[in-house]
Amino acid sequence: MALGPDILATYAGPRTVMRRLLAQGQREDRALVYLMLGCALIFVAQWPRLAREAHQNDAVPLDALLGGALMGWLFLAPLALYGLAALAHLVARLLGGCGGWYGARLALFWSLLASSPLWLLNGLVAGFIGPGPALTLTGLVALTVFGLFWLLSLVEAERPEVVA
C-alpha cells in the first residue's frame, strides 16, 4: 500500500482517488491508519513552532509543549475526528446523501492525510519565520486544500452509485 502516489493523485483529482479507495471495500483498519498517520504528521508539523515558542519563552519547557501536542493530536484529535465524520454523514444524509458511515470517515481521514504535506509546510513556516503574512497564507492554503479535499471526497462517498 503505497500512500505517496495516492496523496499526489489526490491533488490532481480527489474524487478519483476517493472512488478508488471506496472500491477497495470497507476496511476499518485502513481508515484508522490514515487517521493516525495524518494526526502523527500534523503533530510532527508542530515541532518547529513549539521549539520556537520554548526558545522565546522559558516559562514552559519544550518537553511540556511537545507532551501537550502529543496528547492533543494522537489521543484527543482522533476521537474528535470520528465525531466530526459522523456529524458530516448526518448532514450529508439530510442533504440527500446515500453513502454509509464508513465512507464519511474515510473521506475525512484521507483528506487529513492527503493535506498533511501542507500542514508540514505550515509548521516549518511557523517555526522558522514565525507569525506574519507567510504563516497566515500557508495556514489558509492548508486549510482550504483540506476543506476542498474533504468536501469533494464526501460528495464522492455519499453518491447513490457507491451504495448500489
N, C-alpha and C. Protein backbone atom coordinates (compact mmCIF):
# COMPACT_ATOMS: atom_id res chain seq x y z
N MET A 1 0.85 -1.17 0.00
CA MET A 1 0.00 0.00 0.00
C MET A 1 0.90 1.24 0.00
N ALA A 2 1.14 1.80 -1.16
CA ALA A 2 1.96 3.00 -1.29
C ALA A 2 1.06 4.22 -1.20
N LEU A 3 1.31 5.04 -0.19
CA LEU A 3 0.46 6.20 0.03
C LEU A 3 0.91 7.41 -0.78
N GLY A 4 2.21 7.51 -1.05
CA GLY A 4 2.74 8.67 -1.77
C GLY A 4 2.05 8.94 -3.09
N PRO A 5 1.96 7.96 -3.98
CA PRO A 5 1.28 8.21 -5.26
C PRO A 5 -0.19 8.59 -5.09
N ASP A 6 -0.87 7.99 -4.12
CA ASP A 6 -2.28 8.34 -3.89
C ASP A 6 -2.41 9.76 -3.35
N ILE A 7 -1.48 10.18 -2.50
CA ILE A 7 -1.53 11.54 -1.98
C ILE A 7 -1.30 12.53 -3.12
N LEU A 8 -0.31 12.26 -3.97
CA LEU A 8 -0.06 13.14 -5.12
C LEU A 8 -1.26 13.15 -6.06
N ALA A 9 -1.86 11.99 -6.29
CA ALA A 9 -3.02 11.92 -7.17
C ALA A 9 -4.21 12.68 -6.59
N THR A 10 -4.30 12.77 -5.28
CA THR A 10 -5.40 13.50 -4.66
C THR A 10 -5.34 14.98 -5.02
N TYR A 11 -4.15 15.53 -5.18
CA TYR A 11 -4.04 16.93 -5.55
C TYR A 11 -4.53 17.18 -6.98
N ALA A 12 -4.49 16.16 -7.82
CA ALA A 12 -4.98 16.28 -9.19
C ALA A 12 -6.46 15.94 -9.30
N GLY A 13 -6.92 14.97 -8.52
CA GLY A 13 -8.32 14.56 -8.61
C GLY A 13 -8.77 13.84 -7.35
N PRO A 14 -9.22 14.57 -6.34
CA PRO A 14 -9.60 13.93 -5.08
C PRO A 14 -10.75 12.94 -5.21
N ARG A 15 -11.69 13.22 -6.09
CA ARG A 15 -12.83 12.31 -6.22
C ARG A 15 -12.40 10.97 -6.83
N THR A 16 -11.48 11.01 -7.76
CA THR A 16 -11.00 9.78 -8.38
C THR A 16 -10.30 8.90 -7.36
N VAL A 17 -9.46 9.51 -6.54
CA VAL A 17 -8.76 8.74 -5.51
C VAL A 17 -9.75 8.19 -4.50
N MET A 18 -10.73 8.99 -4.09
CA MET A 18 -11.72 8.52 -3.12
C MET A 18 -12.54 7.37 -3.71
N ARG A 19 -12.89 7.46 -4.97
CA ARG A 19 -13.63 6.38 -5.62
C ARG A 19 -12.80 5.09 -5.58
N ARG A 20 -11.50 5.20 -5.84
CA ARG A 20 -10.63 4.03 -5.82
C ARG A 20 -10.51 3.46 -4.40
N LEU A 21 -10.40 4.34 -3.41
CA LEU A 21 -10.30 3.86 -2.01
C LEU A 21 -11.59 3.18 -1.58
N LEU A 22 -12.72 3.72 -1.96
CA LEU A 22 -14.00 3.10 -1.61
C LEU A 22 -14.19 1.76 -2.32
N ALA A 23 -13.64 1.63 -3.53
CA ALA A 23 -13.77 0.39 -4.29
C ALA A 23 -12.98 -0.75 -3.66
N GLN A 24 -12.04 -0.42 -2.76
CA GLN A 24 -11.26 -1.47 -2.10
C GLN A 24 -12.05 -2.16 -1.00
N GLY A 25 -13.25 -1.71 -0.75
CA GLY A 25 -14.09 -2.33 0.26
C GLY A 25 -13.91 -1.66 1.62
N GLN A 26 -14.81 -2.02 2.51
CA GLN A 26 -14.80 -1.41 3.84
C GLN A 26 -13.68 -2.01 4.67
N ARG A 27 -12.66 -1.21 4.94
CA ARG A 27 -11.51 -1.63 5.72
C ARG A 27 -11.28 -0.63 6.85
N GLU A 28 -11.83 -0.92 8.01
CA GLU A 28 -11.68 -0.02 9.14
C GLU A 28 -10.22 0.14 9.56
N ASP A 29 -9.45 -0.93 9.40
CA ASP A 29 -8.04 -0.83 9.77
C ASP A 29 -7.32 0.20 8.90
N ARG A 30 -7.63 0.21 7.62
CA ARG A 30 -7.01 1.16 6.71
C ARG A 30 -7.44 2.60 7.04
N ALA A 31 -8.71 2.79 7.33
CA ALA A 31 -9.19 4.13 7.69
C ALA A 31 -8.51 4.62 8.96
N LEU A 32 -8.34 3.74 9.93
CA LEU A 32 -7.68 4.12 11.18
C LEU A 32 -6.21 4.47 10.93
N VAL A 33 -5.56 3.74 10.05
CA VAL A 33 -4.16 4.05 9.72
C VAL A 33 -4.07 5.43 9.07
N TYR A 34 -4.99 5.74 8.15
CA TYR A 34 -5.00 7.06 7.53
C TYR A 34 -5.17 8.15 8.58
N LEU A 35 -6.08 7.93 9.50
CA LEU A 35 -6.33 8.91 10.56
C LEU A 35 -5.09 9.10 11.44
N MET A 36 -4.52 8.00 11.90
CA MET A 36 -3.38 8.10 12.82
C MET A 36 -2.15 8.67 12.12
N LEU A 37 -1.93 8.31 10.86
CA LEU A 37 -0.80 8.88 10.11
C LEU A 37 -0.99 10.39 9.91
N GLY A 38 -2.20 10.78 9.55
CA GLY A 38 -2.47 12.20 9.38
C GLY A 38 -2.26 12.98 10.67
N CYS A 39 -2.78 12.46 11.77
CA CYS A 39 -2.60 13.13 13.07
C CYS A 39 -1.13 13.14 13.48
N ALA A 40 -0.42 12.05 13.22
CA ALA A 40 1.01 11.99 13.58
C ALA A 40 1.81 13.00 12.76
N LEU A 41 1.51 13.13 11.49
CA LEU A 41 2.23 14.10 10.66
C LEU A 41 1.93 15.53 11.08
N ILE A 42 0.70 15.80 11.46
CA ILE A 42 0.37 17.14 11.93
C ILE A 42 1.04 17.40 13.28
N PHE A 43 1.15 16.37 14.11
CA PHE A 43 1.88 16.50 15.37
C PHE A 43 3.34 16.85 15.09
N VAL A 44 3.95 16.15 14.15
CA VAL A 44 5.35 16.43 13.79
C VAL A 44 5.46 17.85 13.22
N ALA A 45 4.46 18.29 12.49
CA ALA A 45 4.48 19.64 11.92
C ALA A 45 4.50 20.71 13.01
N GLN A 46 4.05 20.38 14.20
CA GLN A 46 4.03 21.35 15.30
C GLN A 46 5.41 21.55 15.94
N TRP A 47 6.33 20.63 15.74
CA TRP A 47 7.62 20.69 16.42
C TRP A 47 8.39 21.99 16.21
N PRO A 48 8.54 22.47 14.96
CA PRO A 48 9.30 23.72 14.80
C PRO A 48 8.67 24.91 15.54
N ARG A 49 7.35 25.01 15.47
CA ARG A 49 6.67 26.10 16.17
C ARG A 49 6.84 25.99 17.67
N LEU A 50 6.70 24.79 18.18
CA LEU A 50 6.85 24.58 19.63
C LEU A 50 8.28 24.85 20.09
N ALA A 51 9.26 24.46 19.27
CA ALA A 51 10.66 24.75 19.61
C ALA A 51 10.90 26.25 19.63
N ARG A 52 10.31 26.95 18.70
CA ARG A 52 10.44 28.41 18.66
C ARG A 52 9.82 29.03 19.92
N GLU A 53 8.63 28.58 20.28
CA GLU A 53 7.96 29.10 21.48
C GLU A 53 8.76 28.81 22.74
N ALA A 54 9.30 27.61 22.84
CA ALA A 54 10.09 27.25 24.02
C ALA A 54 11.37 28.07 24.11
N HIS A 55 11.96 28.36 22.95
CA HIS A 55 13.18 29.16 22.93
C HIS A 55 12.91 30.61 23.31
N GLN A 56 11.78 31.14 22.86
CA GLN A 56 11.45 32.54 23.12
C GLN A 56 10.91 32.77 24.53
N ASN A 57 10.32 31.73 25.13
CA ASN A 57 9.71 31.88 26.45
C ASN A 57 10.13 30.69 27.31
N ASP A 58 10.89 30.96 28.34
CA ASP A 58 11.39 29.89 29.20
C ASP A 58 10.37 29.39 30.21
N ALA A 59 9.18 29.96 30.24
CA ALA A 59 8.19 29.59 31.25
C ALA A 59 7.73 28.14 31.11
N VAL A 60 7.56 27.69 29.89
CA VAL A 60 7.12 26.31 29.64
C VAL A 60 8.20 25.60 28.84
N PRO A 61 8.74 24.49 29.35
CA PRO A 61 9.80 23.79 28.61
C PRO A 61 9.27 23.09 27.36
N LEU A 62 10.19 22.82 26.45
CA LEU A 62 9.82 22.17 25.20
C LEU A 62 9.16 20.81 25.44
N ASP A 63 9.65 20.06 26.42
CA ASP A 63 9.05 18.75 26.70
C ASP A 63 7.57 18.85 27.04
N ALA A 64 7.21 19.86 27.81
CA ALA A 64 5.81 20.04 28.18
C ALA A 64 4.97 20.43 26.97
N LEU A 65 5.51 21.30 26.13
CA LEU A 65 4.79 21.70 24.92
C LEU A 65 4.59 20.51 23.99
N LEU A 66 5.63 19.71 23.81
CA LEU A 66 5.52 18.52 22.96
C LEU A 66 4.55 17.50 23.54
N GLY A 67 4.58 17.35 24.86
CA GLY A 67 3.65 16.42 25.51
C GLY A 67 2.20 16.84 25.33
N GLY A 68 1.94 18.13 25.41
CA GLY A 68 0.58 18.62 25.19
C GLY A 68 0.13 18.42 23.75
N ALA A 69 1.04 18.69 22.81
CA ALA A 69 0.70 18.49 21.41
C ALA A 69 0.49 17.01 21.11
N LEU A 70 1.31 16.16 21.70
CA LEU A 70 1.15 14.71 21.53
C LEU A 70 -0.21 14.26 22.03
N MET A 71 -0.56 14.69 23.22
CA MET A 71 -1.86 14.32 23.79
C MET A 71 -3.00 14.80 22.88
N GLY A 72 -2.87 16.04 22.41
CA GLY A 72 -3.93 16.59 21.58
C GLY A 72 -4.07 15.90 20.23
N TRP A 73 -2.95 15.71 19.53
CA TRP A 73 -3.03 15.20 18.16
C TRP A 73 -3.14 13.69 18.07
N LEU A 74 -2.56 12.94 19.01
CA LEU A 74 -2.60 11.49 18.86
C LEU A 74 -3.64 10.79 19.74
N PHE A 75 -4.20 11.52 20.70
CA PHE A 75 -5.20 10.88 21.56
C PHE A 75 -6.56 11.56 21.48
N LEU A 76 -6.60 12.89 21.49
CA LEU A 76 -7.88 13.60 21.50
C LEU A 76 -8.41 13.89 20.10
N ALA A 77 -7.54 14.32 19.19
CA ALA A 77 -7.99 14.66 17.84
C ALA A 77 -8.64 13.47 17.12
N PRO A 78 -8.09 12.25 17.21
CA PRO A 78 -8.78 11.14 16.53
C PRO A 78 -10.21 10.93 17.04
N LEU A 79 -10.43 11.07 18.31
CA LEU A 79 -11.78 10.92 18.85
C LEU A 79 -12.70 12.02 18.31
N ALA A 80 -12.20 13.25 18.31
CA ALA A 80 -12.98 14.36 17.79
C ALA A 80 -13.26 14.19 16.30
N LEU A 81 -12.29 13.67 15.56
CA LEU A 81 -12.48 13.49 14.12
C LEU A 81 -13.48 12.39 13.81
N TYR A 82 -13.54 11.35 14.63
CA TYR A 82 -14.60 10.35 14.46
C TYR A 82 -15.96 11.00 14.63
N GLY A 83 -16.09 11.85 15.64
CA GLY A 83 -17.36 12.55 15.86
C GLY A 83 -17.68 13.50 14.71
N LEU A 84 -16.68 14.20 14.21
CA LEU A 84 -16.89 15.12 13.10
C LEU A 84 -17.32 14.37 11.84
N ALA A 85 -16.73 13.21 11.60
CA ALA A 85 -17.12 12.40 10.44
C ALA A 85 -18.57 11.94 10.56
N ALA A 86 -18.98 11.55 11.76
CA ALA A 86 -20.37 11.14 11.98
C ALA A 86 -21.32 12.31 11.74
N LEU A 87 -20.95 13.47 12.24
CA LEU A 87 -21.78 14.66 12.04
C LEU A 87 -21.87 15.01 10.56
N ALA A 88 -20.76 14.92 9.85
CA ALA A 88 -20.76 15.21 8.41
C ALA A 88 -21.65 14.22 7.67
N HIS A 89 -21.64 12.96 8.08
CA HIS A 89 -22.50 11.97 7.43
C HIS A 89 -23.97 12.28 7.68
N LEU A 90 -24.30 12.68 8.89
CA LEU A 90 -25.69 13.03 9.20
C LEU A 90 -26.15 14.23 8.37
N VAL A 91 -25.30 15.23 8.25
CA VAL A 91 -25.63 16.41 7.44
C VAL A 91 -25.79 15.99 5.97
N ALA A 92 -24.89 15.14 5.49
CA ALA A 92 -24.99 14.67 4.11
C ALA A 92 -26.28 13.90 3.89
N ARG A 93 -26.69 13.11 4.87
CA ARG A 93 -27.96 12.37 4.74
C ARG A 93 -29.14 13.34 4.65
N LEU A 94 -29.10 14.41 5.43
CA LEU A 94 -30.16 15.42 5.37
C LEU A 94 -30.21 16.10 4.01
N LEU A 95 -29.07 16.20 3.36
CA LEU A 95 -28.98 16.84 2.05
C LEU A 95 -29.15 15.85 0.90
N GLY A 96 -29.50 14.60 1.21
CA GLY A 96 -29.77 13.62 0.16
C GLY A 96 -28.66 12.63 -0.11
N GLY A 97 -27.64 12.60 0.72
CA GLY A 97 -26.55 11.65 0.54
C GLY A 97 -27.01 10.22 0.78
N CYS A 98 -26.39 9.29 0.09
CA CYS A 98 -26.79 7.88 0.20
C CYS A 98 -25.66 6.98 0.67
N GLY A 99 -24.54 7.55 1.06
CA GLY A 99 -23.40 6.74 1.47
C GLY A 99 -23.57 6.19 2.88
N GLY A 100 -22.52 5.57 3.37
CA GLY A 100 -22.55 4.99 4.70
C GLY A 100 -21.60 5.71 5.64
N TRP A 101 -21.59 5.24 6.87
CA TRP A 101 -20.73 5.83 7.89
C TRP A 101 -19.26 5.68 7.53
N TYR A 102 -18.92 4.52 7.00
CA TYR A 102 -17.52 4.26 6.64
C TYR A 102 -17.03 5.26 5.59
N GLY A 103 -17.83 5.52 4.57
CA GLY A 103 -17.44 6.46 3.52
C GLY A 103 -17.18 7.85 4.07
N ALA A 104 -18.01 8.28 5.01
CA ALA A 104 -17.82 9.60 5.61
C ALA A 104 -16.53 9.64 6.42
N ARG A 105 -16.25 8.56 7.15
CA ARG A 105 -14.99 8.50 7.91
C ARG A 105 -13.79 8.50 6.97
N LEU A 106 -13.86 7.67 5.95
CA LEU A 106 -12.75 7.57 5.01
C LEU A 106 -12.49 8.90 4.32
N ALA A 107 -13.55 9.61 3.95
CA ALA A 107 -13.40 10.90 3.28
C ALA A 107 -12.66 11.89 4.18
N LEU A 108 -13.03 11.96 5.44
CA LEU A 108 -12.37 12.89 6.36
C LEU A 108 -10.94 12.46 6.65
N PHE A 109 -10.75 11.19 6.96
CA PHE A 109 -9.42 10.72 7.34
C PHE A 109 -8.44 10.82 6.18
N TRP A 110 -8.88 10.45 4.98
CA TRP A 110 -8.00 10.54 3.83
C TRP A 110 -7.68 12.00 3.51
N SER A 111 -8.65 12.87 3.62
CA SER A 111 -8.41 14.29 3.35
C SER A 111 -7.38 14.86 4.31
N LEU A 112 -7.46 14.44 5.56
CA LEU A 112 -6.49 14.90 6.56
C LEU A 112 -5.08 14.42 6.18
N LEU A 113 -4.97 13.15 5.82
CA LEU A 113 -3.66 12.61 5.45
C LEU A 113 -3.14 13.24 4.16
N ALA A 114 -4.01 13.39 3.18
CA ALA A 114 -3.58 13.93 1.89
C ALA A 114 -3.14 15.39 1.99
N SER A 115 -3.73 16.14 2.91
CA SER A 115 -3.34 17.55 3.06
C SER A 115 -2.19 17.73 4.04
N SER A 116 -1.70 16.66 4.65
CA SER A 116 -0.64 16.77 5.66
C SER A 116 0.67 17.38 5.13
N PRO A 117 1.05 17.20 3.86
CA PRO A 117 2.26 17.90 3.41
C PRO A 117 2.15 19.42 3.54
N LEU A 118 0.96 19.94 3.34
CA LEU A 118 0.78 21.38 3.50
C LEU A 118 0.83 21.79 4.97
N TRP A 119 0.37 20.90 5.86
CA TRP A 119 0.47 21.20 7.29
C TRP A 119 1.92 21.15 7.74
N LEU A 120 2.71 20.26 7.12
CA LEU A 120 4.14 20.23 7.42
C LEU A 120 4.82 21.53 6.97
N LEU A 121 4.45 22.01 5.81
CA LEU A 121 4.98 23.29 5.33
C LEU A 121 4.58 24.42 6.28
N ASN A 122 3.32 24.41 6.71
CA ASN A 122 2.85 25.43 7.64
C ASN A 122 3.63 25.39 8.94
N GLY A 123 3.95 24.20 9.42
CA GLY A 123 4.74 24.07 10.64
C GLY A 123 6.14 24.61 10.47
N LEU A 124 6.75 24.38 9.30
CA LEU A 124 8.08 24.92 9.03
C LEU A 124 8.05 26.45 9.00
N VAL A 125 7.04 27.00 8.36
CA VAL A 125 6.92 28.45 8.31
C VAL A 125 6.72 29.01 9.72
N ALA A 126 5.90 28.35 10.52
CA ALA A 126 5.66 28.80 11.89
C ALA A 126 6.93 28.75 12.72
N GLY A 127 7.76 27.74 12.49
CA GLY A 127 8.97 27.60 13.28
C GLY A 127 10.11 28.49 12.83
N PHE A 128 10.28 28.64 11.53
CA PHE A 128 11.44 29.36 11.02
C PHE A 128 11.17 30.83 10.72
N ILE A 129 9.97 31.17 10.32
CA ILE A 129 9.64 32.55 10.01
C ILE A 129 8.85 33.19 11.14
N GLY A 130 7.92 32.43 11.71
CA GLY A 130 7.12 32.94 12.81
C GLY A 130 5.85 33.62 12.33
N PRO A 131 5.16 34.26 13.26
CA PRO A 131 3.90 34.92 12.91
C PRO A 131 4.10 36.00 11.85
N GLY A 132 3.12 36.09 10.96
CA GLY A 132 3.19 37.09 9.91
C GLY A 132 2.39 36.66 8.70
N PRO A 133 2.51 37.39 7.60
CA PRO A 133 1.73 37.08 6.41
C PRO A 133 2.05 35.71 5.81
N ALA A 134 3.30 35.28 5.87
CA ALA A 134 3.66 33.97 5.30
C ALA A 134 2.97 32.84 6.06
N LEU A 135 2.94 32.94 7.37
CA LEU A 135 2.28 31.91 8.18
C LEU A 135 0.77 31.92 7.94
N THR A 136 0.20 33.11 7.85
CA THR A 136 -1.23 33.22 7.59
C THR A 136 -1.57 32.61 6.23
N LEU A 137 -0.75 32.91 5.23
CA LEU A 137 -1.01 32.40 3.88
C LEU A 137 -0.88 30.88 3.83
N THR A 138 0.18 30.33 4.40
CA THR A 138 0.34 28.87 4.35
C THR A 138 -0.76 28.18 5.16
N GLY A 139 -1.16 28.75 6.26
CA GLY A 139 -2.26 28.18 7.04
C GLY A 139 -3.56 28.22 6.28
N LEU A 140 -3.82 29.32 5.61
CA LEU A 140 -5.04 29.45 4.82
C LEU A 140 -5.05 28.48 3.65
N VAL A 141 -3.91 28.32 2.99
CA VAL A 141 -3.81 27.37 1.86
C VAL A 141 -4.04 25.94 2.37
N ALA A 142 -3.39 25.58 3.47
CA ALA A 142 -3.53 24.23 4.01
C ALA A 142 -4.98 23.95 4.41
N LEU A 143 -5.60 24.90 5.07
CA LEU A 143 -6.99 24.72 5.49
C LEU A 143 -7.94 24.64 4.31
N THR A 144 -7.71 25.47 3.30
CA THR A 144 -8.55 25.46 2.10
C THR A 144 -8.42 24.15 1.34
N VAL A 145 -7.19 23.70 1.17
CA VAL A 145 -6.98 22.43 0.46
C VAL A 145 -7.61 21.28 1.22
N PHE A 146 -7.41 21.25 2.55
CA PHE A 146 -8.06 20.21 3.35
C PHE A 146 -9.57 20.26 3.18
N GLY A 147 -10.15 21.45 3.26
CA GLY A 147 -11.60 21.59 3.12
C GLY A 147 -12.10 21.13 1.77
N LEU A 148 -11.37 21.48 0.71
CA LEU A 148 -11.78 21.04 -0.63
C LEU A 148 -11.66 19.53 -0.78
N PHE A 149 -10.55 18.98 -0.31
CA PHE A 149 -10.40 17.52 -0.36
C PHE A 149 -11.54 16.84 0.37
N TRP A 150 -11.86 17.33 1.55
CA TRP A 150 -12.90 16.71 2.37
C TRP A 150 -14.26 16.83 1.69
N LEU A 151 -14.58 18.02 1.20
CA LEU A 151 -15.88 18.22 0.55
C LEU A 151 -16.02 17.33 -0.68
N LEU A 152 -15.02 17.33 -1.54
CA LEU A 152 -15.10 16.53 -2.76
C LEU A 152 -15.10 15.03 -2.45
N SER A 153 -14.33 14.62 -1.45
CA SER A 153 -14.31 13.21 -1.07
C SER A 153 -15.64 12.80 -0.45
N LEU A 154 -16.22 13.67 0.36
CA LEU A 154 -17.51 13.36 0.98
C LEU A 154 -18.61 13.29 -0.07
N VAL A 155 -18.57 14.17 -1.06
CA VAL A 155 -19.55 14.11 -2.15
C VAL A 155 -19.43 12.77 -2.87
N GLU A 156 -18.20 12.34 -3.10
CA GLU A 156 -17.99 11.05 -3.78
C GLU A 156 -18.48 9.89 -2.91
N ALA A 157 -18.22 9.96 -1.61
CA ALA A 157 -18.61 8.88 -0.71
C ALA A 157 -20.13 8.80 -0.52
N GLU A 158 -20.82 9.91 -0.71
CA GLU A 158 -22.27 9.94 -0.48
C GLU A 158 -23.08 9.79 -1.76
N ARG A 159 -22.42 9.52 -2.87
CA ARG A 159 -23.13 9.32 -4.13
C ARG A 159 -24.01 8.08 -4.06
N PRO A 160 -25.16 8.10 -4.75
CA PRO A 160 -26.03 6.91 -4.75
C PRO A 160 -25.37 5.68 -5.37
N GLU A 161 -24.49 5.86 -6.37
CA GLU A 161 -23.87 4.71 -7.04
C GLU A 161 -22.94 3.95 -6.12
N VAL A 162 -22.41 4.62 -5.08
CA VAL A 162 -21.47 3.97 -4.17
C VAL A 162 -22.20 2.88 -3.39
N VAL A 163 -23.46 3.13 -3.01
CA VAL A 163 -24.23 2.18 -2.22
C VAL A 163 -24.70 1.01 -3.08
N ALA A 164 -25.08 1.30 -4.33
CA ALA A 164 -25.66 0.29 -5.21
C ALA A 164 -24.70 -0.75 -5.64
